[in-house]
């Protein structure tokens, strides 16, 4: 199994791996290195490898993450388990770094600066000024920071934790009360973790 779109799509369709595991004895998935720890686990007869490992030499079938929806769409609500089970030790590590008693809110206001559909999946950070004036602890969850946002971010009260891999970002999200995100991988990850998530979309 391979990524044919962005990592957000792989995360979004991850729950369908439960249905695939019912009919397959050996599932091998390739994901980008930053997300490998998130998918690597000893369950479901599933093994995760770094993208580009070329696992197809002795496989019976090859399929993309997004194509799982074609075959298992009607089964998507039959499994209630959350696919990404994050180790309690990792969650506790980040809990000690997000100690505020106020509402804890994760933010992703822009996608990859070289990604598809930019700049239509981004908003300038300063335009969230009214939200950021609220008495909350805000946590940056995105890795790429656009040049226009750097000065505002550096002078804000936002706790910038976005430079971590997807496994750690997932653990950070587990410690938050709410995630607000544009249409990017963090939006999919937060929803997949069953966290209260608000999407920012442009029409």
Protein backbone atom coordinates (compact mmCIF):
# COMPACT_ATOMS: atom_id res chain seq x y z
CA UNK A 1 0.00 0.00 0.00
CA UNK A 2 1.33 3.42 -0.91
CA UNK A 3 0.60 7.13 -0.73
CA UNK A 4 -0.77 8.49 -3.98
CA UNK A 5 -1.78 11.81 -2.47
CA UNK A 6 -0.75 13.74 0.65
CA UNK A 7 -0.10 12.29 4.09
CA UNK A 8 -3.42 13.80 5.22
CA UNK A 9 -5.27 11.46 2.88
CA UNK A 10 -3.37 8.45 4.22
CA UNK A 11 -4.35 9.48 7.75
CA UNK A 12 -7.95 10.10 6.73
CA UNK A 13 -8.40 6.63 5.24
CA UNK A 14 -6.42 4.80 7.96
CA UNK A 15 -9.57 3.50 9.67
CA UNK A 16 -10.37 1.48 6.56
CA UNK A 17 -7.30 -0.64 7.30
CA UNK A 18 -9.45 -2.44 9.87
CA UNK A 19 -11.64 -3.72 7.03
CA UNK A 20 -8.63 -4.59 4.88
CA UNK A 21 -7.06 -6.58 7.71
CA UNK A 22 -10.12 -8.85 7.78
CA UNK A 23 -9.26 -10.20 4.34
CA UNK A 24 -5.45 -9.86 4.19
CA UNK A 25 -2.81 -11.78 6.12
CA UNK A 26 0.09 -9.46 5.33
CA UNK A 27 -0.37 -5.71 4.84
CA UNK A 28 2.66 -3.58 4.02
CA UNK A 29 2.35 0.17 3.88
CA UNK A 30 4.77 2.84 2.74
CA UNK A 31 4.55 6.30 4.32
CA UNK A 32 6.87 9.26 4.50
CA UNK A 33 9.51 9.13 7.22
CA UNK A 34 7.92 11.87 9.36
CA UNK A 35 4.78 9.72 9.75
CA UNK A 36 6.44 6.32 10.09
CA UNK A 37 6.24 6.24 13.89
CA UNK A 38 2.54 7.02 13.73
CA UNK A 39 1.75 4.01 11.54
CA UNK A 40 4.34 1.60 12.96
CA UNK A 41 2.62 -0.81 15.32
CA UNK A 42 2.31 -4.52 16.00
CA UNK A 43 -1.40 -4.90 15.31
CA UNK A 44 -3.64 -5.80 12.40
CA UNK A 45 -1.03 -7.94 10.56
CA UNK A 46 0.29 -4.58 9.34
CA UNK A 47 3.89 -3.45 8.86
CA UNK A 48 4.93 0.11 8.04
CA UNK A 49 7.99 1.06 5.99
CA UNK A 50 9.63 4.25 4.82
CA UNK A 51 8.28 5.57 1.52
CA UNK A 52 10.32 4.27 -1.40
CA UNK A 53 11.07 0.84 0.11
CA UNK A 54 9.62 -0.88 -2.97
CA UNK A 55 7.68 -3.65 -1.24
CA UNK A 56 5.87 -4.93 -4.31
CA UNK A 57 8.19 -7.72 -5.49
CA UNK A 58 6.20 -10.56 -3.86
CA UNK A 59 2.82 -8.92 -3.23
CA UNK A 60 -0.43 -10.16 -4.71
CA UNK A 61 -2.01 -6.71 -4.91
CA UNK A 62 -0.91 -3.09 -4.83
CA UNK A 63 -3.33 -0.36 -3.72
CA UNK A 64 -3.21 3.26 -2.61
CA UNK A 65 -4.62 4.57 0.66
CA UNK A 66 -7.24 6.66 -1.13
CA UNK A 67 -8.44 3.63 -3.13
CA UNK A 68 -9.43 1.85 0.10
CA UNK A 69 -12.48 4.09 0.09
CA UNK A 70 -13.66 2.50 -3.17
CA UNK A 71 -13.83 -0.97 -1.63
CA UNK A 72 -14.66 -0.31 2.03
CA UNK A 73 -16.74 2.86 2.06
CA UNK A 74 -19.88 1.02 3.23
CA UNK A 75 -17.90 -0.56 6.08
CA UNK A 76 -16.40 2.65 7.42
CA UNK A 77 -18.76 2.96 10.38
CA UNK A 78 -18.68 -0.69 11.41
CA UNK A 79 -15.45 -0.30 13.37
CA UNK A 80 -15.43 2.21 16.20
CA UNK A 81 -11.77 1.81 17.14
CA UNK A 82 -9.42 4.73 16.74
CA UNK A 83 -6.68 3.51 14.43
CA UNK A 84 -3.89 5.65 15.89
CA UNK A 85 -3.33 4.44 19.45
CA UNK A 86 -0.70 6.70 21.01
CA UNK A 87 1.50 5.35 23.81
CA UNK A 88 0.63 6.83 27.23
CA UNK A 89 4.31 7.60 27.89
CA UNK A 90 4.50 9.87 24.85
CA UNK A 91 1.24 11.59 25.79
CA UNK A 92 2.50 12.15 29.35
CA UNK A 93 5.77 13.62 28.05
CA UNK A 94 3.86 16.35 26.23
CA UNK A 95 1.33 16.85 29.01
CA UNK A 96 4.14 18.18 31.19
CA UNK A 97 4.94 20.77 28.50
CA UNK A 98 1.35 21.98 28.07
CA UNK A 99 0.43 22.80 31.65
CA UNK A 100 -2.05 25.65 31.32
CA UNK A 101 -5.37 25.41 33.16
CA UNK A 102 -6.96 27.44 30.37
CA UNK A 103 -8.53 25.99 27.26
CA UNK A 104 -5.72 24.43 25.20
CA UNK A 105 -6.12 25.07 21.47
CA UNK A 106 -3.97 23.70 18.65
CA UNK A 107 -3.58 25.87 15.55
CA UNK A 108 -2.68 25.21 11.92
CA UNK A 109 -3.27 28.28 9.79
CA UNK A 110 -1.31 27.37 6.66
CA UNK A 111 -0.33 24.27 4.72
CA UNK A 112 2.96 23.41 3.08
CA UNK A 113 4.19 26.59 1.40
CA UNK A 114 4.95 24.63 -1.79
CA UNK A 115 1.83 22.47 -1.59
CA UNK A 116 -1.10 22.12 -3.94
CA UNK A 117 -3.70 24.91 -3.95
CA UNK A 118 -1.57 27.42 -2.09
CA UNK A 119 -2.29 30.13 -1.06
CA UNK A 120 -5.94 29.04 -0.90
CA UNK A 121 -5.31 26.66 2.02
CA UNK A 122 -3.70 29.34 4.17
CA UNK A 123 -4.60 32.43 6.16
CA UNK A 124 -2.21 35.05 7.50
CA UNK A 125 -1.60 34.46 11.19
CA UNK A 126 -2.26 38.09 12.07
CA UNK A 127 -5.82 37.69 10.76
CA UNK A 128 -6.47 35.37 13.70
CA UNK A 129 -5.62 38.18 16.11
CA UNK A 130 -9.09 38.29 17.69
CA UNK A 131 -9.01 34.56 18.36
CA UNK A 132 -5.48 34.79 19.75
CA UNK A 133 -6.58 37.54 22.16
CA UNK A 134 -8.74 35.01 24.02
CA UNK A 135 -7.53 33.66 27.36
CA UNK A 136 -6.41 30.29 25.99
CA UNK A 137 -3.16 28.44 25.57
CA UNK A 138 -2.46 28.28 21.86
CA UNK A 139 -0.16 25.65 20.39
CA UNK A 140 1.28 25.77 16.88
CA UNK A 141 0.99 22.33 15.22
CA UNK A 142 2.37 23.13 11.76
CA UNK A 143 5.94 22.64 10.64
CA UNK A 144 6.31 25.17 7.82
CA UNK A 145 6.05 28.81 8.83
CA UNK A 146 5.69 31.30 6.03
CA UNK A 147 8.03 34.27 6.08
CA UNK A 148 5.14 36.72 6.51
CA UNK A 149 4.06 34.94 9.72
CA UNK A 150 7.43 34.48 11.45
CA UNK A 151 7.64 37.86 13.14
CA UNK A 152 4.05 37.67 14.41
CA UNK A 153 4.57 34.13 15.68
CA UNK A 154 7.81 34.98 17.46
CA UNK A 155 6.15 37.88 19.27
CA UNK A 156 2.97 36.02 20.18
CA UNK A 157 2.01 33.81 23.11
CA UNK A 158 1.71 30.79 20.81
CA UNK A 159 3.66 27.74 21.99
CA UNK A 160 5.40 26.55 18.81
CA UNK A 161 5.58 22.73 18.83
CA UNK A 162 5.15 22.19 15.10
CA UNK A 163 8.67 20.95 14.36
CA UNK A 164 7.93 17.48 15.75
CA UNK A 165 7.15 14.30 13.80
CA UNK A 166 3.59 13.09 13.34
CA UNK A 167 3.72 10.68 16.30
CA UNK A 168 4.64 13.49 18.69
CA UNK A 169 2.13 15.86 17.07
CA UNK A 170 -0.53 13.20 17.67
CA UNK A 171 0.48 13.00 21.35
CA UNK A 172 0.35 16.79 21.61
CA UNK A 173 -3.15 16.80 20.09
CA UNK A 174 -4.27 14.23 22.66
CA UNK A 175 -3.41 16.82 25.34
CA UNK A 176 -5.45 19.62 23.75
CA UNK A 177 -9.11 20.58 24.13
CA UNK A 178 -9.62 21.80 20.57
CA UNK A 179 -7.79 21.92 17.25
CA UNK A 180 -8.45 24.65 14.67
CA UNK A 181 -6.90 23.88 11.29
CA UNK A 182 -7.00 24.74 7.62
CA UNK A 183 -7.38 21.87 5.14
CA UNK A 184 -4.10 20.06 5.76
CA UNK A 185 -2.76 16.86 7.33
CA UNK A 186 -3.24 18.14 10.88
CA UNK A 187 -6.98 18.48 10.26
CA UNK A 188 -7.17 14.81 9.23
CA UNK A 189 -4.94 13.67 12.09
CA UNK A 190 -6.93 15.50 14.75
CA UNK A 191 -10.23 14.09 13.47
CA UNK A 192 -8.72 10.60 13.30
CA UNK A 193 -7.80 10.93 16.98
CA UNK A 194 -11.43 11.81 17.74
CA UNK A 195 -10.40 15.25 18.99
CA UNK A 196 -12.82 18.17 18.74
CA UNK A 197 -11.71 19.80 15.48
CA UNK A 198 -12.78 22.98 13.68
CA UNK A 199 -11.86 23.30 10.00
CA UNK A 200 -11.06 26.58 8.27
CA UNK A 201 -12.15 26.39 4.62
CA UNK A 202 -12.14 28.94 1.84
CA UNK A 203 -14.99 29.22 -0.65
